[in-house]
Amino acid sequence: MESSHHHTHHHDHAITLTHVNKAFVIGITLNFLFVIIEVVAGLNIHSLSLLSDAGHNLADVGALALSLLAFRLMKVKSNKTFTYVYRKTSILVALFNAMVLLVSIGAIVYEAAHRFLNSEPVQGTTIAIIAGIGIIINGSTALLFMRNKEKDMNVKSAYLHLMSDAIVSLGIVIGGIVILYTKWFWVDSALSIVIALVILLSTWRLLKDSLRLSLDGVPAGIKLEEIKSIAVKQKGVKGFHHVHIWAISTTENALTAHLVLAADTPVQEEQRIKNDLKHELLHKNIQHVTLETEREGEHCDTAVCDTAVAATH
């Protein structure tokens, strides 16, 4: 029964990776084509806003490509040098993507400030049409990542990249229409600042989460005290300490800990306790569990030893 349960989890995970892989390929292709469209149109009508947005979108295409690379590396088999393979790259890429978004925000604010001081006439109609295409492309590709955006940090960063691009395009469309009818060229700069704030709010959590995982912090959604409570409630467990939880990748987590068992616990019972606890931790999104056992009354020989949590039955 237990092996069947593990197989089901693995099967669902594989389906998700296949879907996400396809989403990345489609997103990269469509967004690169849109960059070309913006560059050609921007050069033809001498629009700095379209060229600036093209640069922003090109950076996002690069970020999507890195995320795709991270997912591909997760499928590589382990070797003597990298026993966890290259799973950690998915976390590093998520951190890099968050930093790219912050740099993009800085670029938008800088350009907006420059335009406030030096407003230039622009062709509102053409800008609105090109930006409208951007809404369709970025919005539709962002939807491809919506289903899995809360399951993986790289998927979430891709979703935020694309949605922020769609919001930027919407702002440019509105700005183009307003400029067309009012000739208020400063509107473009005002919208850019509002857009930058929206992107900042959505990026901040991604930056914090990816930085925490890069430093081997406990992944979001996993509470250390809850994990300890689950362990000591297992039949036969007298204590649970030396607990370390970290992320192997943006989709897999690991735990190492010491289990304190009764002095007379037989070997067969010890294995059952381990298996039952691993089964429970799998439901808490902890896939790789390493447990060291010790008996009540034994001295913990590790240099720094957490206070054991007494079990109450």
C-alpha atoms as a PDB file:
ATOM      1  CA  MET A   1       0.000   0.000   0.000  1.00  0.00           C
ATOM      2  CA  GLU A   2       2.755   2.421   0.973  1.00  0.00           C
ATOM      3  CA  SER A   3       4.770   1.810  -2.208  1.00  0.00           C
ATOM      4  CA  SER A   4       1.664   2.479  -4.295  1.00  0.00           C
ATOM      5  CA  HIS A   5       1.158   5.749  -2.426  1.00  0.00           C
ATOM      6  CA  HIS A   6       4.715   6.863  -3.240  1.00  0.00           C
ATOM      7  CA  HIS A   7       4.279   5.919  -6.883  1.00  0.00           C
ATOM      8  CA  THR A   8       1.160   8.105  -7.175  1.00  0.00           C
ATOM      9  CA  HIS A   9       2.988  11.117  -5.770  1.00  0.00           C
ATOM     10  CA  HIS A  10       5.867  10.628  -8.204  1.00  0.00           C
ATOM     11  CA  HIS A  11       3.518  10.221 -11.163  1.00  0.00           C
ATOM     12  CA  ASP A  12       1.685  13.479 -10.403  1.00  0.00           C
ATOM     13  CA  HIS A  13       5.020  15.255 -10.022  1.00  0.00           C
ATOM     14  CA  ALA A  14       6.198  14.020 -13.466  1.00  0.00           C
ATOM     15  CA  ILE A  15       3.002  15.261 -15.122  1.00  0.00           C
ATOM     16  CA  THR A  16       3.533  18.691 -13.580  1.00  0.00           C
ATOM     17  CA  LEU A  17       7.108  18.870 -14.866  1.00  0.00           C
ATOM     18  CA  THR A  18       5.983  17.971 -18.386  1.00  0.00           C
ATOM     19  CA  HIS A  19       3.295  20.662 -18.346  1.00  0.00           C
ATOM     20  CA  VAL A  20       5.677  23.269 -16.952  1.00  0.00           C
ATOM     21  CA  ASN A  21       8.391  22.377 -19.470  1.00  0.00           C
ATOM     22  CA  LYS A  22       5.951  22.953 -22.331  1.00  0.00           C
ATOM     23  CA  ALA A  23       4.774  26.235 -20.785  1.00  0.00           C
ATOM     24  CA  PHE A  24       8.353  27.531 -20.610  1.00  0.00           C
ATOM     25  CA  VAL A  25       9.040  26.673 -24.260  1.00  0.00           C
ATOM     26  CA  ILE A  26       5.841  28.408 -25.440  1.00  0.00           C
ATOM     27  CA  GLY A  27       6.489  31.420 -23.207  1.00  0.00           C
ATOM     28  CA  ILE A  28      10.069  31.873 -24.414  1.00  0.00           C
ATOM     29  CA  THR A  29       9.101  31.555 -28.092  1.00  0.00           C
ATOM     30  CA  LEU A  30       6.130  33.952 -28.036  1.00  0.00           C
ATOM     31  CA  ASN A  31       7.866  36.559 -25.898  1.00  0.00           C
ATOM     32  CA  PHE A  32      10.999  36.559 -28.050  1.00  0.00           C
ATOM     33  CA  LEU A  33       8.830  37.143 -31.121  1.00  0.00           C
ATOM     34  CA  PHE A  34       7.149  40.042 -29.298  1.00  0.00           C
ATOM     35  CA  VAL A  35      10.559  41.564 -28.505  1.00  0.00           C
ATOM     36  CA  ILE A  36      11.336  41.553 -32.240  1.00  0.00           C
ATOM     37  CA  ILE A  37       7.975  43.225 -32.986  1.00  0.00           C
ATOM     38  CA  GLU A  38       8.622  45.944 -30.377  1.00  0.00           C
ATOM     39  CA  VAL A  39      12.139  46.630 -31.647  1.00  0.00           C
ATOM     40  CA  VAL A  40      11.017  46.923 -35.283  1.00  0.00           C
ATOM     41  CA  ALA A  41       8.044  49.163 -34.390  1.00  0.00           C
ATOM     42  CA  GLY A  42      10.079  51.226 -31.930  1.00  0.00           C
ATOM     43  CA  LEU A  43      12.796  51.933 -34.493  1.00  0.00           C
ATOM     44  CA  ASN A  44      10.249  52.812 -37.181  1.00  0.00           C
ATOM     45  CA  ILE A  45       8.331  55.380 -35.111  1.00  0.00           C
ATOM     46  CA  HIS A  46      11.284  56.414 -32.920  1.00  0.00           C
ATOM     47  CA  SER A  47       9.466  55.339 -29.744  1.00  0.00           C
ATOM     48  CA  LEU A  48      11.752  55.124 -26.727  1.00  0.00           C
ATOM     49  CA  SER A  49       9.001  53.565 -24.612  1.00  0.00           C
ATOM     50  CA  LEU A  50       8.607  50.601 -26.974  1.00  0.00           C
ATOM     51  CA  LEU A  51      12.372  50.101 -27.194  1.00  0.00           C
ATOM     52  CA  SER A  52      12.667  50.290 -23.393  1.00  0.00           C
ATOM     53  CA  ASP A  53       9.863  47.754 -22.992  1.00  0.00           C
ATOM     54  CA  ALA A  54      11.574  45.523 -25.554  1.00  0.00           C
ATOM     55  CA  GLY A  55      14.705  45.537 -23.404  1.00  0.00           C
ATOM     56  CA  HIS A  56      12.609  44.715 -20.339  1.00  0.00           C
ATOM     57  CA  ASN A  57      10.921  41.829 -22.165  1.00  0.00           C
ATOM     58  CA  LEU A  58      14.250  40.538 -23.496  1.00  0.00           C
ATOM     59  CA  ALA A  59      15.524  40.312 -19.901  1.00  0.00           C
ATOM     60  CA  ASP A  60      12.391  38.343 -19.035  1.00  0.00           C
ATOM     61  CA  VAL A  61      12.991  35.965 -21.943  1.00  0.00           C
ATOM     62  CA  GLY A  62      16.456  35.335 -20.545  1.00  0.00           C
ATOM     63  CA  ALA A  63      14.977  34.694 -17.090  1.00  0.00           C
ATOM     64  CA  LEU A  64      12.479  32.204 -18.555  1.00  0.00           C
ATOM     65  CA  ALA A  65      15.309  30.446 -20.398  1.00  0.00           C
ATOM     66  CA  LEU A  66      17.272  30.112 -17.144  1.00  0.00           C
ATOM     67  CA  SER A  67      14.196  28.700 -15.392  1.00  0.00           C
ATOM     68  CA  LEU A  68      13.769  26.148 -18.185  1.00  0.00           C
ATOM     69  CA  LEU A  69      17.438  25.215 -17.855  1.00  0.00           C
ATOM     70  CA  ALA A  70      16.955  24.701 -14.104  1.00  0.00           C
ATOM     71  CA  PHE A  71      14.027  22.329 -14.747  1.00  0.00           C
ATOM     72  CA  ARG A  72      16.052  20.374 -17.306  1.00  0.00           C
ATOM     73  CA  LEU A  73      18.961  20.055 -14.861  1.00  0.00           C
ATOM     74  CA  MET A  74      16.588  18.599 -12.247  1.00  0.00           C
ATOM     75  CA  LYS A  75      16.185  15.536 -14.511  1.00  0.00           C
ATOM     76  CA  VAL A  76      19.933  14.834 -14.693  1.00  0.00           C
ATOM     77  CA  LYS A  77      21.077  11.716 -12.802  1.00  0.00           C
ATOM     78  CA  SER A  78      23.296  12.047  -9.734  1.00  0.00           C
ATOM     79  CA  ASN A  79      27.058  11.531  -9.980  1.00  0.00           C
ATOM     80  CA  LYS A  80      30.060  11.187  -7.662  1.00  0.00           C
ATOM     81  CA  THR A  81      30.568  14.953  -7.438  1.00  0.00           C
ATOM     82  CA  PHE A  82      26.953  16.157  -7.293  1.00  0.00           C
ATOM     83  CA  THR A  83      24.956  13.598  -5.310  1.00  0.00           C
ATOM     84  CA  TYR A  84      21.908  15.901  -5.325  1.00  0.00           C
ATOM     85  CA  VAL A  85      22.630  16.581  -8.996  1.00  0.00           C
ATOM     86  CA  TYR A  86      21.912  20.243  -9.915  1.00  0.00           C
ATOM     87  CA  ARG A  87      18.561  20.636  -8.131  1.00  0.00           C
ATOM     88  CA  LYS A  88      19.825  23.672  -6.205  1.00  0.00           C
ATOM     89  CA  THR A  89      20.135  25.617  -9.461  1.00  0.00           C
ATOM     90  CA  SER A  90      16.339  25.972  -9.484  1.00  0.00           C
ATOM     91  CA  ILE A  91      16.594  27.955  -6.217  1.00  0.00           C
ATOM     92  CA  LEU A  92      19.500  30.078  -7.452  1.00  0.00           C
ATOM     93  CA  VAL A  93      17.632  30.854 -10.673  1.00  0.00           C
ATOM     94  CA  ALA A  94      14.549  31.907  -8.683  1.00  0.00           C
ATOM     95  CA  LEU A  95      16.746  34.288  -6.663  1.00  0.00           C
ATOM     96  CA  PHE A  96      18.333  35.628  -9.844  1.00  0.00           C
ATOM     97  CA  ASN A  97      14.915  36.134 -11.440  1.00  0.00           C
ATOM     98  CA  ALA A  98      13.736  38.124  -8.413  1.00  0.00           C
ATOM     99  CA  MET A  99      16.815  40.319  -8.684  1.00  0.00           C
ATOM    100  CA  VAL A 100      16.196  40.827 -12.414  1.00  0.00           C
ATOM    101  CA  LEU A 101      12.665  41.988 -11.616  1.00  0.00           C
ATOM    102  CA  LEU A 102      14.039  44.489  -9.101  1.00  0.00           C
ATOM    103  CA  VAL A 103      16.527  45.782 -11.682  1.00  0.00           C
ATOM    104  CA  SER A 104      13.648  46.121 -14.156  1.00  0.00           C
ATOM    105  CA  ILE A 105      11.737  48.180 -11.586  1.00  0.00           C
ATOM    106  CA  GLY A 106      14.734  50.474 -11.210  1.00  0.00           C
ATOM    107  CA  ALA A 107      14.986  50.861 -14.980  1.00  0.00           C
ATOM    108  CA  ILE A 108      11.282  51.726 -15.276  1.00  0.00           C
ATOM    109  CA  VAL A 109      11.463  54.342 -12.481  1.00  0.00           C
ATOM    110  CA  TYR A 110      14.626  55.869 -13.969  1.00  0.00           C
ATOM    111  CA  GLU A 111      13.049  56.110 -17.415  1.00  0.00           C
ATOM    112  CA  ALA A 112       9.840  57.572 -15.938  1.00  0.00           C
ATOM    113  CA  ALA A 113      11.795  60.248 -14.044  1.00  0.00           C
ATOM    114  CA  HIS A 114      13.731  61.105 -17.195  1.00  0.00           C
ATOM    115  CA  ARG A 115      10.516  61.473 -19.186  1.00  0.00           C
ATOM    116  CA  PHE A 116       8.973  63.746 -16.549  1.00  0.00           C
ATOM    117  CA  LEU A 117      11.858  66.135 -17.080  1.00  0.00           C
ATOM    118  CA  ASN A 118      12.063  65.707 -20.840  1.00  0.00           C
ATOM    119  CA  SER A 119       8.633  64.920 -22.302  1.00  0.00           C
ATOM    120  CA  GLU A 120       8.775  63.934 -25.974  1.00  0.00           C
ATOM    121  CA  PRO A 121       5.939  63.641 -28.534  1.00  0.00           C
ATOM    122  CA  VAL A 122       5.049  60.024 -29.272  1.00  0.00           C
ATOM    123  CA  GLN A 123       2.611  58.295 -31.641  1.00  0.00           C
ATOM    124  CA  GLY A 124      -0.120  57.137 -29.270  1.00  0.00           C
ATOM    125  CA  THR A 125      -1.990  54.934 -31.768  1.00  0.00           C
ATOM    126  CA  THR A 126       0.954  52.755 -32.789  1.00  0.00           C
ATOM    127  CA  ILE A 127       2.158  52.442 -29.212  1.00  0.00           C
ATOM    128  CA  ALA A 128      -1.306  51.351 -28.032  1.00  0.00           C
ATOM    129  CA  ILE A 129      -1.613  48.723 -30.794  1.00  0.00           C
ATOM    130  CA  ILE A 130       1.812  47.181 -30.150  1.00  0.00           C
ATOM    131  CA  ALA A 131       1.227  47.185 -26.381  1.00  0.00           C
ATOM    132  CA  GLY A 132      -2.177  45.549 -26.970  1.00  0.00           C
ATOM    133  CA  ILE A 133      -0.397  42.660 -28.684  1.00  0.00           C
ATOM    134  CA  GLY A 134       1.825  42.467 -25.613  1.00  0.00           C
ATOM    135  CA  ILE A 135      -1.183  42.075 -23.324  1.00  0.00           C
ATOM    136  CA  ILE A 136      -2.437  39.123 -25.368  1.00  0.00           C
ATOM    137  CA  ILE A 137       0.951  37.378 -25.561  1.00  0.00           C
ATOM    138  CA  ASN A 138       2.045  37.944 -21.961  1.00  0.00           C
ATOM    139  CA  GLY A 139      -1.393  37.354 -20.470  1.00  0.00           C
ATOM    140  CA  SER A 140      -2.009  34.097 -22.349  1.00  0.00           C
ATOM    141  CA  THR A 141       1.441  32.674 -21.563  1.00  0.00           C
ATOM    142  CA  ALA A 142       1.113  33.665 -17.896  1.00  0.00           C
ATOM    143  CA  LEU A 143      -2.066  31.554 -17.716  1.00  0.00           C
ATOM    144  CA  LEU A 144       0.013  28.502 -18.674  1.00  0.00           C
ATOM    145  CA  PHE A 145       1.886  28.835 -15.366  1.00  0.00           C
ATOM    146  CA  MET A 146      -1.107  29.679 -13.154  1.00  0.00           C
ATOM    147  CA  ARG A 147      -1.944  26.077 -12.229  1.00  0.00           C
ATOM    148  CA  ASN A 148       1.504  25.362 -10.753  1.00  0.00           C
ATOM    149  CA  LYS A 149       2.590  28.814  -9.573  1.00  0.00           C
ATOM    150  CA  GLU A 150       2.137  27.995  -5.858  1.00  0.00           C
ATOM    151  CA  LYS A 151       3.937  24.644  -6.153  1.00  0.00           C
ATOM    152  CA  ASP A 152       7.298  25.856  -7.421  1.00  0.00           C
ATOM    153  CA  MET A 153       9.262  29.083  -6.974  1.00  0.00           C
ATOM    154  CA  ASN A 154      10.576  29.148 -10.547  1.00  0.00           C
ATOM    155  CA  VAL A 155       7.090  28.725 -11.942  1.00  0.00           C
ATOM    156  CA  LYS A 156       5.904  31.540  -9.681  1.00  0.00           C
ATOM    157  CA  SER A 157       8.725  33.821 -10.815  1.00  0.00           C
ATOM    158  CA  ALA A 158       7.873  33.074 -14.466  1.00  0.00           C
ATOM    159  CA  TYR A 159       4.215  33.813 -13.759  1.00  0.00           C
ATOM    160  CA  LEU A 160       5.155  37.120 -12.085  1.00  0.00           C
ATOM    161  CA  HIS A 161       7.452  38.048 -14.964  1.00  0.00           C
ATOM    162  CA  LEU A 162       4.728  37.495 -17.540  1.00  0.00           C
ATOM    163  CA  MET A 163       1.916  39.084 -15.542  1.00  0.00           C
ATOM    164  CA  SER A 164       4.060  42.119 -14.807  1.00  0.00           C
ATOM    165  CA  ASP A 165       4.801  42.394 -18.531  1.00  0.00           C
ATOM    166  CA  ALA A 166       1.075  42.200 -19.276  1.00  0.00           C
ATOM    167  CA  ILE A 167       0.399  44.953 -16.707  1.00  0.00           C
ATOM    168  CA  VAL A 168       3.159  47.067 -18.226  1.00  0.00           C
ATOM    169  CA  SER A 169       1.613  46.583 -21.675  1.00  0.00           C
ATOM    170  CA  LEU A 170      -1.816  47.556 -20.309  1.00  0.00           C
ATOM    171  CA  GLY A 171      -0.340  50.718 -18.853  1.00  0.00           C
ATOM    172  CA  ILE A 172       1.283  51.541 -22.179  1.00  0.00           C
ATOM    173  CA  VAL A 173      -2.034  50.995 -24.007  1.00  0.00           C
ATOM    174  CA  ILE A 174      -3.844  53.345 -21.622  1.00  0.00           C
ATOM    175  CA  GLY A 175      -1.032  55.843 -21.886  1.00  0.00           C
ATOM    176  CA  GLY A 176      -1.101  55.660 -25.688  1.00  0.00           C
ATOM    177  CA  ILE A 177      -4.864  56.316 -25.827  1.00  0.00           C
ATOM    178  CA  VAL A 178      -4.675  59.203 -23.356  1.00  0.00           C
ATOM    179  CA  ILE A 179      -1.741  60.739 -25.198  1.00  0.00           C
ATOM    180  CA  LEU A 180      -3.576  60.354 -28.504  1.00  0.00           C
ATOM    181  CA  TYR A 181      -6.561  62.428 -27.351  1.00  0.00           C
ATOM    182  CA  THR A 182      -4.993  64.826 -24.830  1.00  0.00           C
ATOM    183  CA  LYS A 183      -1.325  65.173 -25.861  1.00  0.00           C
ATOM    184  CA  TRP A 184      -0.448  64.789 -22.145  1.00  0.00           C
ATOM    185  CA  PHE A 185       2.915  63.114 -22.708  1.00  0.00           C
ATOM    186  CA  TRP A 186       3.666  62.999 -18.961  1.00  0.00           C
ATOM    187  CA  VAL A 187       0.931  60.367 -18.501  1.00  0.00           C
ATOM    188  CA  ASP A 188       3.312  57.727 -19.826  1.00  0.00           C
ATOM    189  CA  SER A 189       5.775  58.477 -17.003  1.00  0.00           C
ATOM    190  CA  ALA A 190       3.068  58.489 -14.307  1.00  0.00           C
ATOM    191  CA  LEU A 191       1.776  55.078 -15.393  1.00  0.00           C
ATOM    192  CA  SER A 192       5.302  53.690 -15.444  1.00  0.00           C
ATOM    193  CA  ILE A 193       5.801  54.549 -11.767  1.00  0.00           C
ATOM    194  CA  VAL A 194       2.472  52.938 -10.783  1.00  0.00           C
ATOM    195  CA  ILE A 195       3.427  49.823 -12.744  1.00  0.00           C
ATOM    196  CA  ALA A 196       6.824  49.683 -11.021  1.00  0.00           C
ATOM    197  CA  LEU A 197       5.124  49.719  -7.599  1.00  0.00           C
ATOM    198  CA  VAL A 198       2.795  46.881  -8.619  1.00  0.00           C
ATOM    199  CA  ILE A 199       5.749  44.768  -9.751  1.00  0.00           C
ATOM    200  CA  LEU A 200       7.661  45.569  -6.534  1.00  0.00           C
ATOM    201  CA  LEU A 201       4.817  44.323  -4.312  1.00  0.00           C
ATOM    202  CA  SER A 202       4.558  41.037  -6.206  1.00  0.00           C
ATOM    203  CA  THR A 203       8.330  40.503  -6.340  1.00  0.00           C
ATOM    204  CA  TRP A 204       9.201  41.162  -2.701  1.00  0.00           C
ATOM    205  CA  ARG A 205       7.899  37.820  -1.374  1.00  0.00           C
ATOM    206  CA  LEU A 206       9.603  35.918  -4.191  1.00  0.00           C
ATOM    207  CA  LEU A 207      12.902  37.604  -3.291  1.00  0.00           C
ATOM    208  CA  LYS A 208      12.531  36.754   0.420  1.00  0.00           C
ATOM    209  CA  ASP A 209      11.555  33.119  -0.231  1.00  0.00           C
ATOM    210  CA  SER A 210      14.339  32.447  -2.741  1.00  0.00           C
ATOM    211  CA  LEU A 211      16.940  34.123  -0.510  1.00  0.00           C
ATOM    212  CA  ARG A 212      15.816  32.039   2.495  1.00  0.00           C
ATOM    213  CA  LEU A 213      16.060  28.792   0.515  1.00  0.00           C
ATOM    214  CA  SER A 214      19.478  29.810  -0.832  1.00  0.00           C
ATOM    215  CA  LEU A 215      20.628  30.011   2.802  1.00  0.00           C
ATOM    216  CA  ASP A 216      19.072  26.583   3.569  1.00  0.00           C
ATOM    217  CA  GLY A 217      16.253  28.084   5.630  1.00  0.00           C
ATOM    218  CA  VAL A 218      13.071  26.129   6.347  1.00  0.00           C
ATOM    219  CA  PRO A 219      10.889  26.275   3.188  1.00  0.00           C
ATOM    220  CA  ALA A 220       7.673  28.303   3.219  1.00  0.00           C
ATOM    221  CA  GLY A 221       4.641  26.273   4.264  1.00  0.00           C
ATOM    222  CA  ILE A 222       6.650  23.995   6.571  1.00  0.00           C
ATOM    223  CA  LYS A 223       6.566  24.761  10.307  1.00  0.00           C
ATOM    224  CA  LEU A 224       9.324  23.292  12.450  1.00  0.00           C
ATOM    225  CA  GLU A 225       7.188  22.975  15.589  1.00  0.00           C
ATOM    226  CA  GLU A 226       4.432  21.220  13.629  1.00  0.00           C
ATOM    227  CA  ILE A 227       6.946  18.709  12.255  1.00  0.00           C
ATOM    228  CA  LYS A 228       8.248  18.027  15.770  1.00  0.00           C
ATOM    229  CA  SER A 229       4.696  17.567  17.029  1.00  0.00           C
ATOM    230  CA  ILE A 230       3.930  15.039  14.275  1.00  0.00           C
ATOM    231  CA  ALA A 231       7.064  13.072  15.145  1.00  0.00           C
ATOM    232  CA  VAL A 232       6.496  12.771  18.898  1.00  0.00           C
ATOM    233  CA  LYS A 233       2.887  11.697  18.345  1.00  0.00           C
ATOM    234  CA  GLN A 234       4.096   8.585  16.508  1.00  0.00           C
ATOM    235  CA  LYS A 235       3.700   5.402  18.549  1.00  0.00           C
ATOM    236  CA  GLY A 236       7.033   4.460  20.093  1.00  0.00           C
ATOM    237  CA  VAL A 237       8.725   7.860  19.719  1.00  0.00           C
ATOM    238  CA  LYS A 238       9.990   9.352  22.992  1.00  0.00           C
ATOM    239  CA  GLY A 239      11.776  12.389  21.612  1.00  0.00           C
ATOM    240  CA  PHE A 240      12.706  14.196  18.406  1.00  0.00           C
ATOM    241  CA  HIS A 241      15.644  16.590  18.116  1.00  0.00           C
ATOM    242  CA  HIS A 242      18.568  17.701  15.951  1.00  0.00           C
ATOM    243  CA  VAL A 243      16.003  18.613  13.301  1.00  0.00           C
ATOM    244  CA  HIS A 244      17.249  20.225  10.092  1.00  0.00           C
ATOM    245  CA  ILE A 245      14.894  21.023   7.207  1.00  0.00           C
ATOM    246  CA  TRP A 246      15.999  22.582   3.933  1.00  0.00           C
ATOM    247  CA  ALA A 247      15.108  22.744   0.242  1.00  0.00           C
ATOM    248  CA  ILE A 248      16.948  20.572  -2.267  1.00  0.00           C
ATOM    249  CA  SER A 249      15.174  22.354  -5.111  1.00  0.00           C
ATOM    250  CA  THR A 250      12.112  24.532  -5.572  1.00  0.00           C
ATOM    251  CA  THR A 251       9.940  21.385  -5.529  1.00  0.00           C
ATOM    252  CA  GLU A 252      11.740  18.977  -3.145  1.00  0.00           C
ATOM    253  CA  ASN A 253      12.574  19.289   0.548  1.00  0.00           C
ATOM    254  CA  ALA A 254      14.785  17.273   2.891  1.00  0.00           C
ATOM    255  CA  LEU A 255      14.930  16.569   6.632  1.00  0.00           C
ATOM    256  CA  THR A 256      17.496  15.029   8.955  1.00  0.00           C
ATOM    257  CA  ALA A 257      16.784  14.386  12.640  1.00  0.00           C
ATOM    258  CA  HIS A 258      17.404  12.187  15.674  1.00  0.00           C
ATOM    259  CA  LEU A 259      14.609   9.914  16.892  1.00  0.00           C
ATOM    260  CA  VAL A 260      14.622   8.958  20.574  1.00  0.00           C
ATOM    261  CA  LEU A 261      13.035   5.523  21.125  1.00  0.00           C
ATOM    262  CA  ALA A 262      12.308   3.459  24.228  1.00  0.00           C
ATOM    263  CA  ALA A 263      15.329   1.493  25.493  1.00  0.00           C
ATOM    264  CA  ASP A 264      13.661  -1.867  24.746  1.00  0.00           C
ATOM    265  CA  THR A 265      12.474  -1.038  21.204  1.00  0.00           C
ATOM    266  CA  PRO A 266      13.274  -4.009  18.893  1.00  0.00           C
ATOM    267  CA  VAL A 267      14.921  -3.460  15.489  1.00  0.00           C
ATOM    268  CA  GLN A 268      11.767  -4.458  13.574  1.00  0.00           C
ATOM    269  CA  GLU A 269       9.691  -1.917  15.502  1.00  0.00           C
ATOM    270  CA  GLU A 270      12.349   0.764  14.894  1.00  0.00           C
ATOM    271  CA  GLN A 271      11.999   0.329  11.134  1.00  0.00           C
ATOM    272  CA  ARG A 272       8.197   0.527  11.353  1.00  0.00           C
ATOM    273  CA  ILE A 273       8.397   3.781  13.304  1.00  0.00           C
ATOM    274  CA  LYS A 274      10.753   5.244  10.696  1.00  0.00           C
ATOM    275  CA  ASN A 275       8.528   4.219   7.796  1.00  0.00           C
ATOM    276  CA  ASP A 276       5.376   5.596   9.444  1.00  0.00           C
ATOM    277  CA  LEU A 277       7.047   8.940  10.166  1.00  0.00           C
ATOM    278  CA  LYS A 278       8.445   9.221   6.632  1.00  0.00           C
ATOM    279  CA  HIS A 279       4.944   8.550   5.319  1.00  0.00           C
ATOM    280  CA  GLU A 280       3.516  11.376   7.458  1.00  0.00           C
ATOM    281  CA  LEU A 281       6.279  13.802   6.462  1.00  0.00           C
ATOM    282  CA  LEU A 282       5.647  13.099   2.777  1.00  0.00           C
ATOM    283  CA  HIS A 283       2.204  14.678   3.268  1.00  0.00           C
ATOM    284  CA  LYS A 284       4.000  17.767   4.618  1.00  0.00           C
ATOM    285  CA  ASN A 285       5.984  18.119   1.377  1.00  0.00           C
ATOM    286  CA  ILE A 286       9.185  16.594   2.788  1.00  0.00           C
ATOM    287  CA  GLN A 287      10.337  13.973   0.308  1.00  0.00           C
ATOM    288  CA  HIS A 288      13.860  13.088   1.502  1.00  0.00           C
ATOM    289  CA  VAL A 289      14.058  12.028   5.156  1.00  0.00           C
ATOM    290  CA  THR A 290      17.123  10.725   6.992  1.00  0.00           C
ATOM    291  CA  LEU A 291      16.551   9.595  10.583  1.00  0.00           C
ATOM    292  CA  GLU A 292      19.162   8.575  13.158  1.00  0.00           C
ATOM    293  CA  THR A 293      17.829   6.631  16.128  1.00  0.00           C
ATOM    294  CA  GLU A 294      18.943   6.570  19.737  1.00  0.00           C
ATOM    295  CA  ARG A 295      17.506   4.990  22.866  1.00  0.00           C
ATOM    296  CA  GLU A 296      16.235   6.728  25.979  1.00  0.00           C
ATOM    297  CA  GLY A 297      19.064   7.358  28.426  1.00  0.00           C
ATOM    298  CA  GLU A 298      21.756   7.420  25.734  1.00  0.00           C
ATOM    299  CA  HIS A 299      24.030  10.463  25.609  1.00  0.00           C
ATOM    300  CA  CYS A 300      23.684  12.568  22.444  1.00  0.00           C
ATOM    301  CA  ASP A 301      27.289  12.860  21.224  1.00  0.00           C
ATOM    302  CA  THR A 302      26.697  15.705  18.783  1.00  0.00           C
ATOM    303  CA  ALA A 303      28.403  18.986  19.728  1.00  0.00           C
ATOM    304  CA  VAL A 304      25.234  21.047  19.739  1.00  0.00           C
ATOM    305  CA  CYS A 305      22.145  19.147  20.815  1.00  0.00           C
ATOM    306  CA  ASP A 306      18.634  20.484  20.763  1.00  0.00           C
ATOM    307  CA  THR A 307      16.454  19.809  23.779  1.00  0.00           C
ATOM    308  CA  ALA A 308      14.502  16.647  23.100  1.00  0.00           C
ATOM    309  CA  VAL A 309      10.763  17.028  22.792  1.00  0.00           C
ATOM    310  CA  ALA A 310       9.061  14.695  25.245  1.00  0.00           C
ATOM    311  CA  ALA A 311       6.275  12.619  23.778  1.00  0.00           C
ATOM    312  CA  THR A 312       2.938  12.378  25.503  1.00  0.00           C
ATOM    313  CA  HIS A 313       0.674   9.450  24.733  1.00  0.00           C
END
